[in-house]
């Protein structure tokens, strides 16, 4: 124990978003890449970085990567989700931007071939989609079923988020046309 924190406190600090507690737990030897086993009640636990990303704690995510040395592209062992995917699926654009700034791979797929951009499109998160596109995420990458981010935006459009879904579809179409016209500096991956 160091500074009153035990090694297991890192996960709890990430759950609460307490940056000071995260820093103390890291100093005590907490592992930001802990693969996380199941809890005693059978529920799965998330690695600290994925938990903080899902909860939207940008400062904690940055601490885990910069001070804790967390692998920004680490994935969970249940379905291959990364922190970038978790934050994009929860509308956490600020976390998406932090992860991208730390070098997160926009094209790393989960176990079903889905990318973070597909998660953002599925959940109608315009800000995350734009950040991912600006970082070079592919609009033509396909999952194992052959679906692209555009199809995700179309398939999963919900009544309450239809404006966001429509905006994302328009964004993808404009982005695709920009690539076709050679107006973007990044090549498709």
Protein backbone atom coordinates (compact mmCIF):
# COMPACT_ATOMS: atom_id res chain seq x y z
CA UNK A 1 0.00 0.00 0.00
CA UNK A 2 1.29 3.46 -0.90
CA UNK A 3 -0.31 6.79 0.02
CA UNK A 4 -3.30 4.93 1.47
CA UNK A 5 -4.20 3.16 -1.78
CA UNK A 6 -4.10 -0.53 -2.55
CA UNK A 7 -3.43 -2.03 -5.95
CA UNK A 8 -7.09 -2.96 -6.46
CA UNK A 9 -8.20 0.64 -6.02
CA UNK A 10 -7.33 1.62 -9.60
CA UNK A 11 -10.47 0.05 -11.00
CA UNK A 12 -12.67 1.77 -8.40
CA UNK A 13 -10.95 5.12 -9.01
CA UNK A 14 -11.62 4.74 -12.73
CA UNK A 15 -15.26 3.90 -12.00
CA UNK A 16 -15.71 7.11 -10.03
CA UNK A 17 -13.59 9.31 -12.30
CA UNK A 18 -11.42 10.48 -9.40
CA UNK A 19 -8.20 11.58 -11.12
CA UNK A 20 -6.31 12.05 -7.82
CA UNK A 21 -7.25 8.54 -6.71
CA UNK A 22 -6.21 7.16 -10.11
CA UNK A 23 -2.84 8.86 -9.85
CA UNK A 24 -2.34 7.52 -6.30
CA UNK A 25 -3.35 4.00 -7.36
CA UNK A 26 -0.91 4.14 -10.29
CA UNK A 27 1.86 5.24 -7.92
CA UNK A 28 0.96 2.29 -5.69
CA UNK A 29 1.54 -0.05 -8.63
CA UNK A 30 -1.95 -0.34 -10.11
CA UNK A 31 -1.88 -1.89 -13.59
CA UNK A 32 -3.82 0.14 -16.18
CA UNK A 33 -3.68 -2.84 -18.53
CA UNK A 34 -5.08 -5.34 -16.02
CA UNK A 35 -7.03 -7.74 -18.25
CA UNK A 36 -9.80 -8.00 -15.62
CA UNK A 37 -11.30 -11.30 -14.73
CA UNK A 38 -14.87 -11.93 -13.66
CA UNK A 39 -16.12 -10.67 -10.34
CA UNK A 40 -17.16 -13.18 -7.72
CA UNK A 41 -20.81 -12.73 -8.76
CA UNK A 42 -19.96 -13.73 -12.35
CA UNK A 43 -20.18 -10.26 -13.94
CA UNK A 44 -17.25 -9.34 -16.09
CA UNK A 45 -15.01 -6.48 -15.11
CA UNK A 46 -13.46 -4.03 -17.53
CA UNK A 47 -9.79 -3.11 -17.64
CA UNK A 48 -9.28 0.35 -16.08
CA UNK A 49 -8.70 2.18 -19.39
CA UNK A 50 -11.84 0.76 -21.00
CA UNK A 51 -13.90 1.55 -17.91
CA UNK A 52 -12.73 5.16 -17.79
CA UNK A 53 -13.32 5.56 -21.54
CA UNK A 54 -16.85 4.15 -21.33
CA UNK A 55 -17.68 6.42 -18.41
CA UNK A 56 -16.37 9.48 -20.25
CA UNK A 57 -13.53 10.46 -17.92
CA UNK A 58 -11.11 12.12 -20.35
CA UNK A 59 -8.69 13.28 -17.65
CA UNK A 60 -8.52 9.78 -16.18
CA UNK A 61 -7.98 8.24 -19.63
CA UNK A 62 -5.11 10.64 -20.25
CA UNK A 63 -3.55 9.82 -16.85
CA UNK A 64 -3.79 6.09 -17.50
CA UNK A 65 -2.04 6.43 -20.85
CA UNK A 66 0.52 9.14 -20.10
CA UNK A 67 1.46 8.34 -16.50
CA UNK A 68 0.37 4.74 -16.21
CA UNK A 69 1.63 3.59 -19.59
CA UNK A 70 -1.69 2.00 -20.56
CA UNK A 71 -1.80 0.47 -24.04
CA UNK A 72 -4.16 2.81 -25.89
CA UNK A 73 -5.14 0.01 -28.29
CA UNK A 74 -5.64 -2.75 -25.71
CA UNK A 75 -8.86 -4.68 -26.20
CA UNK A 76 -11.01 -6.64 -23.82
CA UNK A 77 -10.95 -10.40 -24.05
CA UNK A 78 -14.72 -10.78 -24.39
CA UNK A 79 -15.43 -9.15 -27.75
CA UNK A 80 -12.28 -7.29 -28.66
CA UNK A 81 -13.56 -3.80 -27.80
CA UNK A 82 -10.98 -1.06 -27.36
CA UNK A 83 -11.27 2.13 -25.32
CA UNK A 84 -11.83 4.01 -28.58
CA UNK A 85 -14.81 1.77 -29.41
CA UNK A 86 -16.26 2.06 -25.90
CA UNK A 87 -16.06 5.84 -25.89
CA UNK A 88 -17.46 6.13 -29.44
CA UNK A 89 -20.39 3.86 -28.55
CA UNK A 90 -21.27 5.99 -25.52
CA UNK A 91 -21.09 9.43 -27.12
CA UNK A 92 -17.87 10.36 -25.31
CA UNK A 93 -16.31 12.54 -28.04
CA UNK A 94 -13.90 14.23 -25.65
CA UNK A 95 -12.47 10.83 -24.70
CA UNK A 96 -12.33 9.84 -28.38
CA UNK A 97 -10.25 12.95 -29.06
CA UNK A 98 -7.91 12.20 -26.12
CA UNK A 99 -7.39 8.61 -27.30
CA UNK A 100 -6.75 9.76 -30.87
CA UNK A 101 -4.27 12.30 -29.55
CA UNK A 102 -2.50 9.47 -27.76
CA UNK A 103 -2.22 7.51 -31.02
CA UNK A 104 -5.21 5.14 -30.87
CA UNK A 105 -5.62 3.05 -34.03
CA UNK A 106 -8.84 4.06 -35.81
CA UNK A 107 -8.87 0.84 -37.83
CA UNK A 108 -8.35 -1.77 -35.12
CA UNK A 109 -11.39 -4.07 -35.39
CA UNK A 110 -13.23 -5.91 -32.65
CA UNK A 111 -13.87 -9.65 -32.90
CA UNK A 112 -16.65 -9.01 -35.45
CA UNK A 113 -14.60 -6.67 -37.61
CA UNK A 114 -16.27 -3.49 -36.34
CA UNK A 115 -14.22 -0.29 -35.98
CA UNK A 116 -14.71 2.69 -33.69
CA UNK A 117 -16.29 4.64 -36.57
CA UNK A 118 -18.92 1.92 -36.93
CA UNK A 119 -19.74 2.26 -33.23
CA UNK A 120 -20.03 6.05 -33.52
CA UNK A 121 -22.28 5.68 -36.59
CA UNK A 122 -24.44 3.05 -34.91
CA UNK A 123 -25.02 5.27 -31.90
CA UNK A 124 -25.46 8.55 -33.79
CA UNK A 125 -22.44 10.28 -32.27
CA UNK A 126 -21.61 13.03 -34.77
CA UNK A 127 -18.76 14.55 -32.74
CA UNK A 128 -16.96 11.22 -32.33
CA UNK A 129 -17.53 10.34 -35.98
CA UNK A 130 -16.04 13.65 -37.10
CA UNK A 131 -13.01 13.23 -34.79
CA UNK A 132 -12.45 9.72 -36.14
CA UNK A 133 -12.79 10.88 -39.75
CA UNK A 134 -10.36 13.73 -39.11
CA UNK A 135 -7.91 11.15 -37.73
CA UNK A 136 -8.17 9.16 -40.97
CA UNK A 137 -10.79 6.52 -40.10
CA UNK A 138 -11.99 4.66 -43.17
CA UNK A 139 -15.57 5.13 -44.35
CA UNK A 140 -15.25 2.07 -46.57
CA UNK A 141 -13.89 -0.46 -44.06
CA UNK A 142 -16.30 -3.38 -43.71
CA UNK A 143 -17.03 -5.68 -40.79
CA UNK A 144 -17.25 -9.49 -41.09
CA UNK A 145 -20.76 -9.17 -42.54
CA UNK A 146 -19.64 -6.64 -45.15
CA UNK A 147 -21.27 -3.64 -43.45
CA UNK A 148 -19.51 -0.25 -43.54
CA UNK A 149 -19.96 2.74 -41.20
CA UNK A 150 -22.55 4.11 -43.64
CA UNK A 151 -24.63 0.94 -43.32
CA UNK A 152 -24.38 1.15 -39.53
CA UNK A 153 -25.74 4.68 -39.58
CA UNK A 154 -28.59 3.60 -41.84
CA UNK A 155 -29.40 0.29 -40.09
CA UNK A 156 -29.39 1.57 -36.55
CA UNK A 157 -31.01 4.95 -36.97
CA UNK A 158 -33.48 5.39 -34.16
CA UNK A 159 -36.41 7.75 -33.91
CA UNK A 160 -34.81 9.74 -31.07
CA UNK A 161 -31.48 10.06 -32.83
CA UNK A 162 -32.61 10.28 -36.45
CA UNK A 163 -31.23 13.82 -36.87
CA UNK A 164 -27.82 12.62 -35.73
CA UNK A 165 -28.01 9.54 -37.94
CA UNK A 166 -28.96 11.64 -40.96
CA UNK A 167 -26.14 14.06 -40.22
CA UNK A 168 -23.65 11.20 -39.96
CA UNK A 169 -24.84 9.72 -43.25
CA UNK A 170 -24.42 13.11 -44.91
CA UNK A 171 -20.99 13.46 -43.29
CA UNK A 172 -19.92 10.05 -44.60
CA UNK A 173 -21.19 10.80 -48.08
CA UNK A 174 -19.39 14.15 -48.15
CA UNK A 175 -16.23 12.51 -46.83
CA UNK A 176 -16.41 9.75 -49.42
CA UNK A 177 -16.93 12.28 -52.22
CA UNK A 178 -13.95 14.27 -50.93
CA UNK A 179 -11.78 11.16 -51.14
CA UNK A 180 -13.06 10.37 -54.61
CA UNK A 181 -12.24 13.89 -55.73
CA UNK A 182 -8.80 13.71 -54.12
CA UNK A 183 -9.57 16.61 -51.80
CA UNK A 184 -8.48 14.86 -48.58
CA UNK A 185 -4.82 14.63 -47.66
CA UNK A 186 -5.09 11.16 -46.06
CA UNK A 187 -5.45 8.10 -48.21
CA UNK A 188 -8.10 5.52 -47.37
CA UNK A 189 -6.82 2.72 -45.21
